[in-house]
Amino acid sequence: MADEQILGLRCACGWESRGKTDDLVAAATEHGRRLHNMTPTRADVLAMVVPVEELSDALTRRGPDDDAQEVRG
């Protein structure tokens, strides 16, 4: 879907990412595996996402693109 909304996610540890749904789910799943030794389900990740405008200014200042971006790790 070409006009899919860019979403954002902030982990309790402070890690943030943004992207289209599938990219964001992949990034968050990898983050959970690497840093927290857990594998969230797609539903777990989607329950945490918000429109990117609701995340910190530091995240929204980055230029939009089609891939999920790790902002802090």
C-alpha atoms as a PDB file:
ATOM      1  CA  MET A   1       0.000   0.000   0.000  1.00  0.00           C
ATOM      2  CA  ALA A   2       1.757   3.172  -1.221  1.00  0.00           C
ATOM      3  CA  ASP A   3       0.144   5.576   1.237  1.00  0.00           C
ATOM      4  CA  GLU A   4       0.574   3.414   4.334  1.00  0.00           C
ATOM      5  CA  GLN A   5       1.009   5.531   7.469  1.00  0.00           C
ATOM      6  CA  ILE A   6       4.421   5.726   9.101  1.00  0.00           C
ATOM      7  CA  LEU A   7       4.129   4.414  12.654  1.00  0.00           C
ATOM      8  CA  GLY A   8       6.428   4.634  15.636  1.00  0.00           C
ATOM      9  CA  LEU A   9       7.211   2.532  18.648  1.00  0.00           C
ATOM     10  CA  ARG A  10       9.076   3.221  21.883  1.00  0.00           C
ATOM     11  CA  CYS A  11      10.281   0.313  24.022  1.00  0.00           C
ATOM     12  CA  ALA A  12      10.342   0.641  27.798  1.00  0.00           C
ATOM     13  CA  CYS A  13      14.168   0.568  27.548  1.00  0.00           C
ATOM     14  CA  GLY A  14      14.151   3.771  25.464  1.00  0.00           C
ATOM     15  CA  TRP A  15      14.736   2.211  22.019  1.00  0.00           C
ATOM     16  CA  GLU A  16      12.632   3.861  19.329  1.00  0.00           C
ATOM     17  CA  SER A  17      11.867   2.919  15.762  1.00  0.00           C
ATOM     18  CA  ARG A  18       9.588   4.065  12.998  1.00  0.00           C
ATOM     19  CA  GLY A  19       8.424   2.753   9.669  1.00  0.00           C
ATOM     20  CA  LYS A  20       5.623   1.088   7.820  1.00  0.00           C
ATOM     21  CA  THR A  21       3.846  -1.697   9.671  1.00  0.00           C
ATOM     22  CA  ASP A  22       5.788  -4.710   8.386  1.00  0.00           C
ATOM     23  CA  ASP A  23       9.166  -2.969   8.722  1.00  0.00           C
ATOM     24  CA  LEU A  24       8.359  -1.798  12.231  1.00  0.00           C
ATOM     25  CA  VAL A  25       7.218  -5.266  13.327  1.00  0.00           C
ATOM     26  CA  ALA A  26      10.459  -6.766  11.984  1.00  0.00           C
ATOM     27  CA  ALA A  27      12.629  -4.138  13.700  1.00  0.00           C
ATOM     28  CA  ALA A  28      10.818  -4.481  17.035  1.00  0.00           C
ATOM     29  CA  THR A  29      10.952  -8.278  16.899  1.00  0.00           C
ATOM     30  CA  GLU A  30      14.698  -8.196  16.283  1.00  0.00           C
ATOM     31  CA  HIS A  31      15.161  -5.653  19.085  1.00  0.00           C
ATOM     32  CA  GLY A  32      13.236  -7.866  21.500  1.00  0.00           C
ATOM     33  CA  ARG A  33      15.348 -10.885  20.582  1.00  0.00           C
ATOM     34  CA  ARG A  34      18.692  -9.074  20.770  1.00  0.00           C
ATOM     35  CA  LEU A  35      18.242  -6.922  23.848  1.00  0.00           C
ATOM     36  CA  HIS A  36      15.521  -8.554  25.920  1.00  0.00           C
ATOM     37  CA  ASN A  37      15.826 -12.262  25.073  1.00  0.00           C
ATOM     38  CA  MET A  38      12.154 -12.357  24.078  1.00  0.00           C
ATOM     39  CA  THR A  39      10.266 -12.653  20.816  1.00  0.00           C
ATOM     40  CA  PRO A  40       7.159 -10.468  20.705  1.00  0.00           C
ATOM     41  CA  THR A  41       4.314 -11.547  18.464  1.00  0.00           C
ATOM     42  CA  ARG A  42       3.058  -9.289  15.697  1.00  0.00           C
ATOM     43  CA  ALA A  43       0.053  -8.524  17.928  1.00  0.00           C
ATOM     44  CA  ASP A  44       2.392  -7.568  20.805  1.00  0.00           C
ATOM     45  CA  VAL A  45       4.234  -5.105  18.578  1.00  0.00           C
ATOM     46  CA  LEU A  46       1.084  -3.641  17.035  1.00  0.00           C
ATOM     47  CA  ALA A  47      -0.327  -3.027  20.512  1.00  0.00           C
ATOM     48  CA  MET A  48       2.620  -0.690  21.160  1.00  0.00           C
ATOM     49  CA  VAL A  49       2.659   1.346  17.937  1.00  0.00           C
ATOM     50  CA  VAL A  50       1.468   4.931  17.629  1.00  0.00           C
ATOM     51  CA  PRO A  51       1.367   7.421  14.774  1.00  0.00           C
ATOM     52  CA  VAL A  52       4.902   8.738  14.403  1.00  0.00           C
ATOM     53  CA  GLU A  53       3.750  12.251  15.332  1.00  0.00           C
ATOM     54  CA  GLU A  54       3.142  11.036  18.896  1.00  0.00           C
ATOM     55  CA  LEU A  55       6.770  10.054  19.466  1.00  0.00           C
ATOM     56  CA  SER A  56       9.543  12.359  20.640  1.00  0.00           C
ATOM     57  CA  ASP A  57      10.718  15.337  18.606  1.00  0.00           C
ATOM     58  CA  ALA A  58      14.037  13.581  18.080  1.00  0.00           C
ATOM     59  CA  LEU A  59      12.276  10.820  16.184  1.00  0.00           C
ATOM     60  CA  THR A  60       9.945  13.017  14.139  1.00  0.00           C
ATOM     61  CA  ARG A  61      12.812  15.256  12.969  1.00  0.00           C
ATOM     62  CA  ARG A  62      14.267  12.371  10.945  1.00  0.00           C
ATOM     63  CA  GLY A  63      13.315  12.313   7.285  1.00  0.00           C
ATOM     64  CA  PRO A  64      10.564   9.905   6.248  1.00  0.00           C
ATOM     65  CA  ASP A  65      11.454   6.826   4.226  1.00  0.00           C
ATOM     66  CA  ASP A  66      10.029   3.383   3.591  1.00  0.00           C
ATOM     67  CA  ASP A  67      12.184   1.401   6.050  1.00  0.00           C
ATOM     68  CA  ALA A  68      11.955   1.136   9.801  1.00  0.00           C
ATOM     69  CA  GLN A  69      14.751   3.091  11.433  1.00  0.00           C
ATOM     70  CA  GLU A  70      16.361   2.398  14.758  1.00  0.00           C
ATOM     71  CA  VAL A  71      16.796   5.724  16.492  1.00  0.00           C
ATOM     72  CA  ARG A  72      18.288   4.636  19.807  1.00  0.00           C
ATOM     73  CA  GLY A  73      19.521   1.267  20.858  1.00  0.00           C
END
